[in-house]
Amino acid sequence: MFDFDEVVDRKGTNCAKWDTIEANNKPKDVLPMWVADMDFKSPKEIENALVKRIKQGVYGYSFAPDEYFDAVISWMKRRHDFDIKKEWIVPTPGVVTAIKLCVNAYTKENDAIIINKPVYYPFDFSIELNHRRIIENEMVYKENSYEMDYVAFEKAIVENDVKMFILCNPYNPIGKVWKEDELKQIGEICKKHHVLVIVDEIHEDFVYGDHIHIPFYNVDESYKEFSVVLTAPSKTFNLAGLQTSNIIIADEKLRKAYQETMNRYGVNEPNFLGIIACMTAYNECELWVDEMLEYVYDNFTYFDEFLKENLPHIHLVKPEGLYLGWVDFRECGLNKDELEKTMLEKAGLWLDEGYIFGTGGEGFERFNLAIPRSVLEDACQRLLKAFGK
């Protein structure tokens, strides 16, 4: 029903993905596959709802109505069997903003915050820019998938008096979807040592095969007492520019501390178009999501088969979630600078380099696969030209 093959020309629209090539000193004919937004048009229902609101002509202060919270509650229940209450939901302008608010609400300067590695690099920025200490727990990569070393995780918590853990599920960039027993081990360790858990679940709707996204609260009722769950419609429906997320905080004391921090920094007023887009997305666009997920997974399959047939020394890490492919180039024998240069100058691809995700990321590249098939085919041919020898 939906044309995901359509190539949308986004140039000249102040698009971060396509209109910053020159500013970032990239080759002018480079194909950008770095930032995590889709090249698909958002659902028509969202466009219609936004146009209707815009045509009113008055764009004053707005608030999230009851219908907004009902839409969020319904989506979480339908898609993830996640029962939440209206009072738990705190609309916030973006998940990265929410992470920084959590850091300020729940920790003090010089406190230790632990994160897995490699991981979405704004986690680092959110900690460092707020003068907290980063404690790294490197993931174990073997047999084309990742596992956590729970002994090392707990040891790092104890030795560094860690106050907070920022968890990514599904895990950007490696594509891992945490299993229930894994989340249970994490939760029990954090509960034992009084570590607050901030769970970035922004990619919750992107899960493939037999994998299931399990909201952190669903693992154990007691986890609501020491955790905050970050969600948003932005990845699922390509709405990042509308700066709308829904932070779910069951514990009243934690919620109050978060809201007080929002007020202190003046980020407590929602984007009025984001409100409309979120309501419309969750209420009217489920079929679009189902077909989009099928299309993206087919892209993963095409990409994986192309690499195996033509570039067997380059490996796509088995995708469990995300629309971002995590690809291992280490057999190419290039250091991180050589790999980046080859990717830009010979392949003509602008990617998020693996090393920017920290320890364990060097030698990998992150590909955005939420793109029309013809664009992916172009990218594959560019890879073949650069790495085929």
Protein backbone atom coordinates (compact mmCIF):
# COMPACT_ATOMS: atom_id res chain seq x y z
CA MET A 1 0.00 0.00 0.00
CA PHE A 2 2.94 2.35 0.56
CA ASP A 3 5.73 3.35 -1.81
CA PHE A 4 8.96 2.96 0.10
CA ASP A 5 10.82 2.75 -3.21
CA GLU A 6 10.17 6.45 -3.85
CA VAL A 7 13.37 8.51 -3.77
CA VAL A 8 12.57 11.80 -2.06
CA ASP A 9 14.85 14.72 -2.91
CA ARG A 10 15.60 16.23 0.49
CA LYS A 11 18.30 18.60 -0.71
CA GLY A 12 17.67 22.26 -0.12
CA THR A 13 15.37 21.67 2.86
CA ASN A 14 17.94 22.38 5.61
CA CYS A 15 18.25 18.63 5.98
CA ALA A 16 21.00 17.55 8.37
CA LYS A 17 21.59 14.38 6.38
CA TRP A 18 21.82 15.86 2.87
CA ASP A 19 22.52 19.60 3.24
CA THR A 20 25.61 19.52 5.46
CA ILE A 21 27.97 17.69 3.10
CA GLU A 22 29.99 20.78 2.19
CA ALA A 23 29.97 22.15 5.74
CA ASN A 24 31.44 18.85 6.97
CA ASN A 25 34.13 18.81 4.24
CA LYS A 26 32.81 15.64 2.62
CA PRO A 27 33.16 14.91 -1.12
CA LYS A 28 30.33 16.61 -3.01
CA ASP A 29 29.12 13.36 -4.62
CA VAL A 30 29.14 11.40 -1.35
CA LEU A 31 26.09 9.30 -0.43
CA PRO A 32 25.11 10.08 3.19
CA MET A 33 24.04 7.07 5.24
CA TRP A 34 25.12 8.30 8.65
CA VAL A 35 22.44 10.04 10.72
CA ALA A 36 19.53 7.98 12.03
CA ASP A 37 16.60 9.42 10.15
CA MET A 38 14.74 7.69 7.37
CA ASP A 39 14.55 8.77 3.75
CA PHE A 40 10.94 7.60 3.64
CA LYS A 41 8.05 10.03 3.70
CA SER A 42 6.12 9.92 6.96
CA PRO A 43 2.56 8.53 6.72
CA LYS A 44 0.06 10.61 4.74
CA GLU A 45 -2.25 10.77 7.75
CA ILE A 46 0.40 12.71 9.66
CA GLU A 47 0.93 15.10 6.77
CA ASN A 48 -2.81 15.73 6.51
CA ALA A 49 -3.17 16.38 10.23
CA LEU A 50 -0.24 18.81 10.26
CA VAL A 51 -1.48 20.70 7.20
CA LYS A 52 -4.94 21.03 8.74
CA ARG A 53 -3.48 22.52 11.92
CA ILE A 54 -1.10 24.82 10.05
CA LYS A 55 -3.91 26.21 7.92
CA GLN A 56 -5.55 27.62 11.05
CA GLY A 57 -2.81 30.23 10.92
CA VAL A 58 -2.26 30.74 14.65
CA TYR A 59 0.71 28.97 16.22
CA GLY A 60 0.52 29.92 19.89
CA TYR A 61 1.28 28.10 23.11
CA SER A 62 -0.14 24.58 23.24
CA PHE A 63 -0.45 21.65 25.61
CA ALA A 64 -0.84 17.90 25.32
CA PRO A 65 -4.55 17.01 25.65
CA ASP A 66 -5.96 13.85 27.20
CA GLU A 67 -6.22 12.36 23.70
CA TYR A 68 -2.45 12.61 23.40
CA PHE A 69 -1.82 10.53 26.51
CA ASP A 70 -4.52 8.05 25.46
CA ALA A 71 -2.72 7.56 22.14
CA VAL A 72 0.62 6.88 23.83
CA ILE A 73 -0.95 4.49 26.34
CA SER A 74 -2.79 2.59 23.61
CA TRP A 75 0.30 2.22 21.39
CA MET A 76 2.46 0.91 24.21
CA LYS A 77 -0.19 -1.64 25.16
CA ARG A 78 -0.91 -2.78 21.59
CA ARG A 79 2.65 -3.01 20.35
CA HIS A 80 4.58 -3.97 23.49
CA ASP A 81 2.07 -5.21 26.08
CA PHE A 82 3.27 -2.29 28.19
CA ASP A 83 0.69 -1.00 30.67
CA ILE A 84 1.34 2.61 31.62
CA LYS A 85 -0.69 5.34 33.30
CA LYS A 86 -1.31 8.89 32.12
CA GLU A 87 0.45 10.45 35.11
CA TRP A 88 3.64 8.50 34.32
CA ILE A 89 4.06 10.18 30.92
CA VAL A 90 6.16 13.34 30.76
CA PRO A 91 6.32 14.84 27.23
CA THR A 92 9.83 16.11 26.57
CA PRO A 93 11.55 17.70 23.53
CA GLY A 94 13.64 14.69 22.52
CA VAL A 95 15.24 11.60 24.05
CA VAL A 96 18.78 13.04 24.12
CA THR A 97 17.38 16.07 25.95
CA ALA A 98 15.73 13.66 28.35
CA ILE A 99 19.00 11.84 29.03
CA LYS A 100 20.67 15.12 29.94
CA LEU A 101 17.74 16.06 32.16
CA CYS A 102 18.02 12.70 33.92
CA VAL A 103 21.74 13.16 34.47
CA ASN A 104 21.07 16.53 36.11
CA ALA A 105 17.98 15.40 38.03
CA TYR A 106 19.43 12.25 39.58
CA THR A 107 23.20 12.71 39.91
CA LYS A 108 25.71 15.30 41.11
CA GLU A 109 28.92 16.60 39.53
CA ASN A 110 31.70 14.00 39.54
CA ASP A 111 29.27 11.14 40.11
CA ALA A 112 30.05 7.99 38.11
CA ILE A 113 27.67 6.87 35.35
CA ILE A 114 28.22 3.55 33.60
CA ILE A 115 27.47 2.84 29.93
CA ASN A 116 28.10 -0.12 27.67
CA LYS A 117 30.52 0.23 24.76
CA PRO A 118 30.33 0.68 21.85
CA VAL A 119 27.21 2.83 22.24
CA TYR A 120 25.30 5.79 20.81
CA TYR A 121 27.79 8.63 21.31
CA PRO A 122 25.36 11.25 22.77
CA PHE A 123 25.40 9.09 25.90
CA ASP A 124 29.02 10.21 26.36
CA PHE A 125 28.20 13.85 25.63
CA SER A 126 25.30 13.82 28.09
CA ILE A 127 27.64 12.66 30.84
CA GLU A 128 30.77 14.66 30.03
CA LEU A 129 29.09 17.99 29.32
CA ASN A 130 27.41 17.79 32.71
CA HIS A 131 30.71 17.07 34.49
CA ARG A 132 30.01 13.49 35.49
CA ARG A 133 32.44 10.57 35.13
CA ILE A 134 32.04 7.92 32.44
CA ILE A 135 32.61 4.32 33.45
CA GLU A 136 32.79 1.94 30.48
CA ASN A 137 31.61 -1.64 30.31
CA GLU A 138 32.72 -3.14 27.00
CA MET A 139 30.38 -5.60 25.35
CA VAL A 140 31.72 -9.01 24.30
CA TYR A 141 31.52 -9.63 20.54
CA LYS A 142 31.58 -13.25 19.43
CA GLU A 143 29.89 -15.38 16.78
CA ASN A 144 28.38 -12.34 15.09
CA SER A 145 26.52 -11.09 18.16
CA TYR A 146 27.09 -9.23 21.42
CA GLU A 147 26.81 -10.25 25.06
CA MET A 148 27.33 -8.39 28.32
CA ASP A 149 30.01 -9.41 30.82
CA TYR A 150 27.86 -9.17 33.95
CA VAL A 151 30.76 -9.88 36.30
CA ALA A 152 32.75 -6.97 34.86
CA PHE A 153 29.62 -4.80 34.92
CA GLU A 154 29.00 -5.38 38.62
CA LYS A 155 32.69 -5.04 39.48
CA ALA A 156 32.84 -1.65 37.73
CA ILE A 157 29.75 -0.49 39.61
CA VAL A 158 31.18 -1.43 42.99
CA GLU A 159 34.71 -0.15 42.39
CA ASN A 160 33.55 3.23 41.05
CA ASP A 161 30.51 3.81 43.28
CA VAL A 162 28.34 4.14 40.18
CA LYS A 163 25.09 6.07 40.60
CA MET A 164 23.45 5.60 37.18
CA PHE A 165 23.38 3.20 34.24
CA ILE A 166 22.18 4.35 30.81
CA LEU A 167 20.91 1.30 28.92
CA CYS A 168 20.03 1.23 25.21
CA ASN A 169 17.32 -1.25 24.11
CA PRO A 170 17.23 -1.97 21.21
CA TYR A 171 20.92 -1.20 21.32
CA ASN A 172 22.28 1.51 19.01
CA PRO A 173 24.56 0.85 17.10
CA ILE A 174 25.01 -2.91 17.45
CA GLY A 175 21.38 -3.90 16.82
CA LYS A 176 20.99 -6.06 19.94
CA VAL A 177 17.53 -6.61 21.42
CA TRP A 178 17.96 -7.53 25.06
CA LYS A 179 16.30 -10.78 26.20
CA GLU A 180 14.26 -10.97 29.39
CA ASP A 181 16.88 -12.94 31.32
CA GLU A 182 19.55 -10.41 30.30
CA LEU A 183 17.43 -7.48 31.46
CA LYS A 184 16.76 -9.38 34.67
CA GLN A 185 20.46 -9.75 35.40
CA ILE A 186 21.00 -6.05 34.72
CA GLY A 187 18.06 -5.06 36.88
CA GLU A 188 19.07 -7.22 39.83
CA ILE A 189 22.65 -5.93 39.82
CA CYS A 190 21.47 -2.33 39.66
CA LYS A 191 18.85 -2.87 42.38
CA LYS A 192 21.42 -4.52 44.64
CA HIS A 193 23.82 -1.58 44.36
CA HIS A 194 21.21 1.23 44.26
CA VAL A 195 22.02 2.22 40.68
CA LEU A 196 19.36 4.23 38.85
CA VAL A 197 18.64 2.85 35.36
CA ILE A 198 17.80 5.15 32.45
CA VAL A 199 16.52 3.02 29.55
CA ASP A 200 16.59 4.47 26.04
CA GLU A 201 13.84 2.56 24.22
CA ILE A 202 13.46 4.97 21.28
CA HIS A 203 13.98 2.13 18.76
CA GLU A 204 11.45 -0.14 20.48
CA ASP A 205 9.31 -0.58 17.36
CA PHE A 206 12.23 -1.89 15.25
CA VAL A 207 12.53 -5.57 16.18
CA TYR A 208 12.89 -8.48 13.75
CA GLY A 209 12.42 -12.22 13.54
CA ASP A 210 11.77 -14.02 16.81
CA HIS A 211 13.07 -11.16 18.89
CA ILE A 212 10.68 -9.23 21.13
CA HIS A 213 11.14 -5.82 22.66
CA ILE A 214 10.63 -6.11 26.40
CA PRO A 215 10.06 -2.80 28.22
CA PHE A 216 12.28 -2.62 31.30
CA TYR A 217 9.26 -2.17 33.59
CA ASN A 218 7.78 -5.46 32.35
CA VAL A 219 10.73 -7.49 33.62
CA ASP A 220 9.97 -6.94 37.31
CA GLU A 221 7.45 -4.75 39.11
CA SER A 222 10.13 -3.50 41.50
CA TYR A 223 12.13 -1.96 38.64
CA LYS A 224 9.63 0.90 38.48
CA GLU A 225 11.14 2.17 41.73
CA PHE A 226 14.60 2.86 40.27
CA SER A 227 14.27 3.34 36.53
CA VAL A 228 13.10 5.78 33.87
CA VAL A 229 12.01 4.68 30.37
CA LEU A 230 12.61 6.95 27.37
CA THR A 231 10.32 6.57 24.34
CA ALA A 232 9.42 8.63 21.27
CA PRO A 233 7.53 8.38 17.98
CA SER A 234 10.43 10.03 16.16
CA LYS A 235 12.35 6.99 14.87
CA THR A 236 9.29 4.92 14.08
CA PHE A 237 7.51 7.59 12.02
CA ASN A 238 10.47 9.78 10.92
CA LEU A 239 9.48 12.76 13.10
CA ALA A 240 12.82 13.73 14.64
CA GLY A 241 12.50 17.36 13.56
CA LEU A 242 9.34 17.77 15.64
CA GLN A 243 11.26 17.26 18.90
CA THR A 244 8.72 15.12 20.73
CA SER A 245 9.35 12.26 23.15
CA ASN A 246 7.46 10.58 25.99
CA ILE A 247 9.39 9.87 29.14
CA ILE A 248 7.75 7.25 31.33
CA ILE A 249 8.41 7.53 35.08
CA ALA A 250 6.27 5.39 37.36
CA ASP A 251 7.89 6.40 40.64
CA GLU A 252 6.41 9.65 41.94
CA LYS A 253 9.62 10.92 43.56
CA LEU A 254 11.66 10.25 40.43
CA ARG A 255 8.99 11.90 38.29
CA LYS A 256 8.84 14.98 40.49
CA ALA A 257 12.64 15.37 40.40
CA TYR A 258 12.62 15.08 36.62
CA GLN A 259 9.82 17.63 36.22
CA GLU A 260 11.56 20.06 38.56
CA THR A 261 14.69 19.79 36.42
CA MET A 262 12.64 20.42 33.28
CA ASN A 263 11.23 23.56 34.85
CA ARG A 264 14.68 24.71 35.95
CA TYR A 265 15.97 24.51 32.38
CA GLY A 266 12.80 25.76 30.72
CA VAL A 267 12.11 22.75 28.50
CA ASN A 268 8.61 21.97 29.70
CA GLU A 269 6.53 23.25 26.78
CA PRO A 270 5.77 20.76 23.99
CA ASN A 271 6.07 21.36 20.25
CA PHE A 272 2.48 21.88 19.13
CA LEU A 273 3.05 20.12 15.80
CA GLY A 274 4.78 17.26 17.58
CA ILE A 275 1.67 16.74 19.70
CA ILE A 276 -0.49 16.39 16.60
CA ALA A 277 2.00 14.16 14.79
CA CYS A 278 2.38 11.81 17.76
CA MET A 279 -1.37 11.45 18.30
CA THR A 280 -1.99 10.82 14.62
CA ALA A 281 0.91 8.38 14.30
CA TYR A 282 -0.13 6.20 17.22
CA ASN A 283 -3.85 6.31 16.39
CA GLU A 284 -3.88 5.99 12.60
CA CYS A 285 -0.59 4.74 11.16
CA GLU A 286 -0.02 1.20 12.43
CA LEU A 287 -0.31 -0.45 9.02
CA TRP A 288 2.33 1.93 7.65
CA VAL A 289 4.70 0.82 10.42
CA ASP A 290 4.13 -2.87 9.71
CA GLU A 291 4.91 -2.47 6.01
CA MET A 292 7.87 -0.17 6.66
CA LEU A 293 9.41 -2.73 9.03
CA GLU A 294 9.02 -5.45 6.41
CA TYR A 295 10.68 -3.24 3.81
CA VAL A 296 13.61 -2.35 6.07
CA TYR A 297 14.18 -5.97 7.03
CA ASP A 298 14.20 -6.88 3.35
CA ASN A 299 16.92 -4.23 2.96
CA PHE A 300 18.93 -5.95 5.70
CA THR A 301 18.51 -9.27 3.88
CA TYR A 302 19.59 -7.79 0.54
CA PHE A 303 22.60 -6.08 2.13
CA ASP A 304 23.68 -9.22 4.00
CA GLU A 305 23.41 -11.41 0.90
CA PHE A 306 25.30 -8.88 -1.21
CA LEU A 307 28.19 -8.81 1.27
CA LYS A 308 28.35 -12.61 1.55
CA GLU A 309 28.36 -13.05 -2.24
CA ASN A 310 30.64 -10.19 -3.24
CA LEU A 311 32.59 -8.99 -0.19
CA PRO A 312 32.92 -12.00 2.14
CA HIS A 313 35.60 -10.26 4.21
CA ILE A 314 33.00 -7.67 5.32
CA HIS A 315 30.34 -8.84 7.78
CA LEU A 316 26.95 -7.45 8.77
CA VAL A 317 26.34 -8.10 12.46
CA LYS A 318 23.13 -10.12 12.75
CA PRO A 319 20.31 -7.56 12.97
CA GLU A 320 17.92 -8.09 15.87
CA GLY A 321 16.57 -4.53 15.89
CA LEU A 322 17.08 -0.94 14.65
CA TYR A 323 17.17 0.23 11.04
CA LEU A 324 20.90 0.73 11.41
CA GLY A 325 23.33 -1.90 10.14
CA TRP A 326 26.51 -2.49 12.17
CA VAL A 327 29.18 -3.76 9.79
CA ASP A 328 32.56 -5.32 10.59
CA PHE A 329 35.39 -4.21 8.26
CA ARG A 330 38.27 -5.41 10.43
CA GLU A 331 39.38 -8.11 7.97
CA CYS A 332 40.17 -5.33 5.49
CA GLY A 333 43.32 -4.60 7.51
CA LEU A 334 42.81 -0.83 7.70
CA ASN A 335 43.23 1.37 10.76
CA LYS A 336 40.36 3.71 11.63
CA ASP A 337 41.77 6.67 9.67
CA GLU A 338 42.46 4.55 6.59
CA LEU A 339 38.99 3.02 6.75
CA GLU A 340 37.30 6.40 7.04
CA LYS A 341 39.34 7.82 4.16
CA THR A 342 38.62 4.81 1.95
CA MET A 343 34.92 5.00 2.73
CA LEU A 344 34.71 8.69 1.83
CA GLU A 345 37.15 8.96 -1.07
CA LYS A 346 36.90 5.55 -2.77
CA ALA A 347 33.43 4.31 -1.84
CA GLY A 348 31.85 7.77 -1.71
CA LEU A 349 29.88 6.87 1.42
CA TRP A 350 29.43 9.09 4.45
CA LEU A 351 28.81 6.85 7.46
CA ASP A 352 28.99 7.06 11.22
CA GLU A 353 32.45 5.64 11.83
CA GLY A 354 32.58 2.84 14.35
CA TYR A 355 35.27 4.46 16.48
CA ILE A 356 32.99 7.38 17.43
CA PHE A 357 30.86 4.90 19.38
CA GLY A 358 33.84 4.25 21.64
CA THR A 359 35.68 1.19 22.88
CA GLY A 360 35.07 -1.83 20.66
CA GLY A 361 33.81 0.26 17.75
CA GLU A 362 37.01 0.69 15.76
CA GLY A 363 36.92 -1.21 12.49
CA PHE A 364 33.13 -1.09 12.25
CA GLU A 365 30.80 1.21 10.30
CA ARG A 366 27.14 2.09 10.91
CA PHE A 367 24.84 2.11 7.86
CA ASN A 368 21.36 3.64 7.82
CA LEU A 369 19.24 1.10 5.92
CA ALA A 370 15.91 2.97 6.13
CA ILE A 371 16.32 4.00 2.50
CA PRO A 372 14.79 3.11 -0.87
CA ARG A 373 16.17 -0.11 -2.36
CA SER A 374 17.70 1.71 -5.34
CA VAL A 375 19.78 3.83 -2.96
CA LEU A 376 20.94 0.72 -1.11
CA GLU A 377 21.89 -0.91 -4.42
CA ASP A 378 23.96 2.19 -5.25
CA ALA A 379 25.67 1.97 -1.86
CA CYS A 380 26.49 -1.70 -2.42
CA GLN A 381 28.08 -1.00 -5.78
CA ARG A 382 30.14 1.78 -4.20
CA LEU A 383 31.37 -0.67 -1.57
CA LEU A 384 32.23 -3.20 -4.24
CA LYS A 385 34.26 -0.63 -6.16
CA ALA A 386 36.25 0.35 -3.07
CA PHE A 387 36.66 -2.99 -1.32
CA GLY A 388 36.21 -5.58 -4.05
CA LYS A 389 39.94 -6.17 -4.43
